[in-house]
Amino acid sequence: MMFKLNTFHFVFMSPWPLFVSFSSFNFFLSIIIWMNYGNFIFLIMAMFNIMFCSYVWWRDVDRESSFLGSHSLKVKYGLKFGMILFIVSEVMFFFSFFWSFIHGSSSSDVTMGASWPPEQVFPFDPMSVPLVNTIVLLSSGASVTWSHHSILKNKMMVSSISLFFTIMLGVFFTILQYLEYLGSPFSISDSDMGSTFFMATGFHGIHVIIGSTFLMIEFIKNVFYVNTNSQIVGFECSAWYWHFVDVIWLFLYSLIYWWGS
């Protein structure tokens, strides 16, 4: 028998981290298949697998926290700190795309007409769909903050409504981004501008989908009263991630859509 003489939580063996890793690998592999062969069925299946495995993994963590009481203040601090480190690593990930875009635009090659945007590459109008997407994401950031403050005041119905509104705005953003891609005047193979644009905005779109999944899980927890004003670590981490997505989009809009055009 092992006696617990500390404030940490020794978790049981879980298959979900391994399943999420395999699903993530399949996701990137399916992107390559989609880009080369046009078959997006595997991409949809991989996204569904990631969302499902993330859901059941999150369910187990919430069970340990809300029903088993395994999350002490020390454990909650560790979860929050881990989320902060994850967001910092994501900032470095997107920083590489910003660096690439600024370098390409500041030192245009003669093979591209020594100009930016390159010859025959027509950028998006920053005052059309990109501006609408900016308003949508900023509105979603305000609504998720409203939901957070409502939980702290124990107004669960108001919190659920505002959180649902946030999720709908995230879905609307994803649809607008997809329609923008369909009408794009250039492709990912059109110079370094096309490559950087689709890589940066594409990965941001993936993060929006991930953030929407996090918020959907928190919405379910709100509906079933799993979240309380004293048990909201998961909600706070999801809200931080969503605000991170908002800030990254502001940089994308400012650098790639507005300044880059």
Protein backbone atom coordinates (compact mmCIF):
# COMPACT_ATOMS: atom_id res chain seq x y z
CA MET A 1 0.00 0.00 0.00
CA MET A 2 1.26 3.46 -0.88
CA PHE A 3 0.51 6.33 1.47
CA LYS A 4 0.04 9.80 0.03
CA LEU A 5 2.29 12.16 2.01
CA ASN A 6 2.29 15.09 -0.44
CA THR A 7 -0.10 17.47 -2.17
CA PHE A 8 0.48 16.11 -5.67
CA HIS A 9 -1.76 13.78 -7.64
CA PHE A 10 -0.43 10.45 -8.88
CA VAL A 11 -2.53 9.81 -11.98
CA PHE A 12 -3.59 6.38 -13.18
CA MET A 13 -2.25 5.06 -16.48
CA SER A 14 -4.21 6.60 -19.35
CA PRO A 15 -4.22 5.66 -23.07
CA TRP A 16 -5.39 9.10 -24.22
CA PRO A 17 -2.01 10.87 -24.45
CA LEU A 18 -0.77 8.09 -26.75
CA PHE A 19 -3.97 8.17 -28.81
CA VAL A 20 -3.80 11.96 -29.17
CA SER A 21 -0.18 11.66 -30.32
CA PHE A 22 -1.06 9.08 -32.98
CA SER A 23 -4.09 11.13 -34.04
CA SER A 24 -1.95 14.25 -34.38
CA PHE A 25 0.56 12.35 -36.52
CA ASN A 26 -2.27 11.06 -38.71
CA PHE A 27 -3.65 14.59 -38.95
CA PHE A 28 -0.45 16.00 -40.46
CA LEU A 29 -0.08 12.94 -42.66
CA SER A 30 -3.63 13.43 -43.94
CA ILE A 31 -2.82 17.08 -44.73
CA ILE A 32 -0.04 15.86 -47.04
CA ILE A 33 -2.44 13.37 -48.66
CA TRP A 34 -5.04 16.11 -49.12
CA MET A 35 -2.56 18.57 -50.66
CA ASN A 36 -1.12 15.99 -53.07
CA TYR A 37 -4.15 13.89 -53.98
CA GLY A 38 -7.13 16.07 -53.08
CA ASN A 39 -8.62 13.44 -50.75
CA PHE A 40 -9.78 15.14 -47.54
CA ILE A 41 -11.65 12.15 -46.03
CA PHE A 42 -8.60 11.13 -43.99
CA LEU A 43 -8.22 14.73 -42.81
CA ILE A 44 -11.78 14.81 -41.48
CA MET A 45 -11.30 11.43 -39.79
CA ALA A 46 -8.06 12.59 -38.16
CA MET A 47 -9.70 15.79 -36.88
CA PHE A 48 -12.59 13.76 -35.45
CA ASN A 49 -10.15 11.39 -33.72
CA ILE A 50 -8.24 14.28 -32.15
CA MET A 51 -11.45 15.93 -30.94
CA PHE A 52 -12.82 12.66 -29.52
CA CYS A 53 -9.59 11.66 -27.75
CA SER A 54 -9.22 15.18 -26.36
CA TYR A 55 -12.78 15.04 -25.07
CA VAL A 56 -12.41 11.74 -23.23
CA TRP A 57 -9.00 12.80 -21.89
CA TRP A 58 -10.50 16.02 -20.60
CA ARG A 59 -13.43 14.04 -19.15
CA ASP A 60 -11.03 11.92 -17.10
CA VAL A 61 -9.18 14.99 -15.83
CA ASP A 62 -12.48 16.60 -14.80
CA ARG A 63 -13.55 13.41 -13.06
CA GLU A 64 -10.32 13.44 -11.05
CA SER A 65 -10.88 17.09 -10.17
CA SER A 66 -14.62 17.47 -9.57
CA PHE A 67 -15.69 14.01 -8.38
CA LEU A 68 -12.57 12.43 -6.88
CA GLY A 69 -11.17 15.62 -5.36
CA SER A 70 -7.64 14.80 -6.49
CA HIS A 71 -6.70 18.31 -7.59
CA SER A 72 -5.18 20.23 -4.72
CA LEU A 73 -4.08 23.86 -5.03
CA LYS A 74 -0.63 22.58 -5.96
CA VAL A 75 -2.06 20.46 -8.78
CA LYS A 76 -4.20 23.33 -10.07
CA TYR A 77 -1.15 25.58 -10.09
CA GLY A 78 0.75 22.95 -12.07
CA LEU A 79 -2.04 22.66 -14.64
CA LYS A 80 -2.18 26.43 -15.11
CA PHE A 81 1.59 26.71 -15.36
CA GLY A 82 1.65 23.90 -17.92
CA MET A 83 -0.94 25.75 -20.00
CA ILE A 84 1.15 28.92 -19.84
CA LEU A 85 4.22 27.03 -21.07
CA PHE A 86 2.15 25.51 -23.87
CA ILE A 87 0.92 28.94 -24.99
CA VAL A 88 4.49 30.31 -24.87
CA SER A 89 5.65 27.46 -27.12
CA GLU A 90 2.81 28.28 -29.53
CA VAL A 91 3.91 31.94 -29.57
CA MET A 92 7.37 30.81 -30.66
CA PHE A 93 5.77 28.63 -33.33
CA PHE A 94 3.91 31.55 -34.89
CA PHE A 95 6.90 33.86 -34.41
CA SER A 96 8.75 31.79 -37.02
CA PHE A 97 6.05 32.57 -39.59
CA PHE A 98 6.10 36.28 -38.76
CA TRP A 99 9.89 36.31 -39.06
CA SER A 100 9.70 34.54 -42.43
CA PHE A 101 7.09 36.96 -43.75
CA ILE A 102 8.95 40.08 -42.61
CA HIS A 103 12.23 38.79 -44.02
CA GLY A 104 10.64 37.95 -47.37
CA SER A 105 8.87 41.27 -47.67
CA SER A 106 11.94 43.28 -46.65
CA SER A 107 14.37 41.62 -49.06
CA SER A 108 12.43 40.82 -52.21
CA ASP A 109 14.35 38.79 -54.78
CA VAL A 110 14.77 39.94 -58.39
CA THR A 111 13.14 36.72 -59.56
CA MET A 112 9.92 37.98 -57.97
CA GLY A 113 10.16 41.39 -59.61
CA ALA A 114 12.08 42.97 -56.71
CA SER A 115 8.76 44.07 -55.26
CA TRP A 116 6.33 43.13 -52.53
CA PRO A 117 3.82 41.67 -53.07
CA PRO A 118 5.61 39.70 -55.81
CA GLU A 119 4.64 40.19 -59.44
CA GLN A 120 1.35 38.53 -60.44
CA VAL A 121 0.48 37.84 -56.79
CA PHE A 122 -2.56 39.85 -55.76
CA PRO A 123 -3.10 40.03 -51.97
CA PHE A 124 -6.42 40.09 -50.16
CA ASP A 125 -8.18 43.34 -49.42
CA PRO A 126 -7.60 43.85 -45.67
CA MET A 127 -10.84 45.83 -45.38
CA SER A 128 -13.10 42.98 -46.58
CA VAL A 129 -13.31 39.45 -45.12
CA PRO A 130 -10.15 39.80 -42.96
CA LEU A 131 -11.64 42.82 -41.20
CA VAL A 132 -14.89 40.94 -40.58
CA ASN A 133 -12.91 38.03 -39.14
CA THR A 134 -11.08 40.46 -36.86
CA ILE A 135 -14.35 41.83 -35.53
CA VAL A 136 -15.69 38.29 -35.07
CA LEU A 137 -12.67 37.12 -33.05
CA LEU A 138 -12.55 40.27 -30.92
CA SER A 139 -16.25 39.83 -30.17
CA SER A 140 -15.65 36.21 -29.21
CA GLY A 141 -12.88 37.29 -26.84
CA ALA A 142 -15.28 39.70 -25.14
CA SER A 143 -18.01 37.07 -24.85
CA VAL A 144 -15.71 34.42 -23.35
CA THR A 145 -14.56 37.01 -20.78
CA TRP A 146 -18.21 37.73 -20.01
CA SER A 147 -18.78 34.00 -19.54
CA HIS A 148 -15.81 33.77 -17.18
CA HIS A 149 -17.02 36.63 -15.00
CA SER A 150 -20.50 35.09 -14.93
CA ILE A 151 -19.09 31.83 -13.55
CA LEU A 152 -17.23 33.72 -10.84
CA LYS A 153 -20.57 35.28 -9.83
CA ASN A 154 -22.23 31.83 -10.00
CA LYS A 155 -24.51 32.88 -12.89
CA MET A 156 -24.27 29.61 -14.78
CA MET A 157 -27.10 30.29 -17.22
CA VAL A 158 -25.58 33.60 -18.33
CA SER A 159 -22.17 31.96 -18.56
CA SER A 160 -23.52 29.15 -20.76
CA ILE A 161 -25.30 31.57 -23.10
CA SER A 162 -22.25 33.77 -23.58
CA LEU A 163 -20.01 30.72 -24.00
CA PHE A 164 -22.36 29.32 -26.65
CA PHE A 165 -22.19 32.69 -28.41
CA THR A 166 -18.38 32.46 -28.34
CA ILE A 167 -18.44 29.00 -29.91
CA MET A 168 -20.78 30.18 -32.68
CA LEU A 169 -18.45 33.08 -33.43
CA GLY A 170 -15.54 30.63 -33.64
CA VAL A 171 -17.47 28.44 -36.08
CA PHE A 172 -18.42 31.53 -38.11
CA PHE A 173 -14.76 32.57 -38.27
CA THR A 174 -13.78 29.12 -39.54
CA ILE A 175 -16.44 29.23 -42.26
CA LEU A 176 -15.32 32.70 -43.38
CA GLN A 177 -11.70 31.55 -43.48
CA TYR A 178 -12.67 28.55 -45.61
CA LEU A 179 -14.61 30.74 -48.04
CA GLU A 180 -11.66 33.12 -48.22
CA TYR A 181 -9.40 30.23 -49.20
CA LEU A 182 -11.82 29.15 -51.91
CA GLY A 183 -11.71 32.62 -53.49
CA SER A 184 -7.99 33.17 -53.00
CA PRO A 185 -6.27 34.92 -55.96
CA PHE A 186 -3.05 32.99 -55.25
CA SER A 187 -2.04 29.55 -54.00
CA ILE A 188 0.43 28.14 -51.49
CA SER A 189 2.97 27.61 -54.31
CA ASP A 190 2.92 31.26 -55.47
CA SER A 191 6.23 32.57 -54.08
CA ASP A 192 7.18 32.80 -50.43
CA MET A 193 4.23 35.12 -49.81
CA GLY A 194 1.74 32.41 -50.75
CA SER A 195 3.60 29.80 -48.72
CA THR A 196 3.87 31.96 -45.61
CA PHE A 197 0.30 33.23 -45.90
CA PHE A 198 -1.33 29.81 -46.10
CA MET A 199 0.96 28.25 -43.50
CA ALA A 200 0.41 31.04 -40.97
CA THR A 201 -3.33 31.52 -41.48
CA GLY A 202 -3.88 27.78 -41.92
CA PHE A 203 -2.24 26.87 -38.64
CA HIS A 204 -4.12 29.71 -36.97
CA GLY A 205 -7.34 28.25 -38.35
CA ILE A 206 -6.40 24.88 -36.87
CA HIS A 207 -5.84 26.56 -33.51
CA VAL A 208 -9.26 28.20 -33.77
CA ILE A 209 -10.80 24.74 -34.28
CA ILE A 210 -8.84 23.40 -31.28
CA GLY A 211 -9.91 26.36 -29.16
CA SER A 212 -13.53 25.90 -30.24
CA THR A 213 -13.29 22.25 -29.16
CA PHE A 214 -11.99 23.32 -25.74
CA LEU A 215 -14.87 25.77 -25.36
CA MET A 216 -17.42 23.14 -26.45
CA ILE A 217 -16.18 20.86 -23.68
CA GLU A 218 -16.45 23.69 -21.17
CA PHE A 219 -19.96 24.45 -22.42
CA ILE A 220 -21.00 20.85 -21.74
CA LYS A 221 -19.48 21.13 -18.25
CA ASN A 222 -21.45 24.33 -17.69
CA VAL A 223 -24.71 22.71 -18.75
CA PHE A 224 -24.21 19.78 -16.36
CA TYR A 225 -22.96 22.07 -13.55
CA VAL A 226 -19.52 20.49 -13.45
CA ASN A 227 -17.96 23.95 -13.53
CA THR A 228 -18.37 26.03 -10.39
CA ASN A 229 -16.89 29.29 -9.20
CA SER A 230 -14.27 27.26 -7.32
CA GLN A 231 -13.63 24.58 -9.99
CA ILE A 232 -12.82 26.47 -13.19
CA VAL A 233 -9.22 25.58 -14.00
CA GLY A 234 -10.25 23.98 -17.29
CA PHE A 235 -12.41 26.95 -18.19
CA GLU A 236 -9.64 29.43 -17.40
CA CYS A 237 -7.09 27.48 -19.45
CA SER A 238 -9.54 27.36 -22.37
CA ALA A 239 -10.18 31.09 -22.07
CA TRP A 240 -6.44 31.81 -22.02
CA TYR A 241 -5.99 29.72 -25.15
CA TRP A 242 -8.83 31.57 -26.88
CA HIS A 243 -7.34 34.95 -26.01
CA PHE A 244 -4.03 33.70 -27.40
CA VAL A 245 -5.79 32.86 -30.66
CA ASP A 246 -7.24 36.39 -30.69
CA VAL A 247 -3.86 38.05 -30.21
CA ILE A 248 -2.18 35.91 -32.88
CA TRP A 249 -4.91 36.91 -35.33
CA LEU A 250 -4.32 40.59 -34.60
CA PHE A 251 -0.66 40.11 -35.54
CA LEU A 252 -1.66 38.13 -38.64
CA TYR A 253 -4.08 40.83 -39.71
CA SER A 254 -1.64 43.67 -39.03
CA LEU A 255 1.42 42.10 -40.66
CA ILE A 256 0.18 39.79 -43.40
CA TYR A 257 -3.15 41.26 -44.47
CA TRP A 258 -2.64 44.99 -43.90
CA TRP A 259 1.10 45.75 -43.94
CA GLY A 260 1.87 42.92 -46.37
CA SER A 261 -0.62 44.17 -48.95
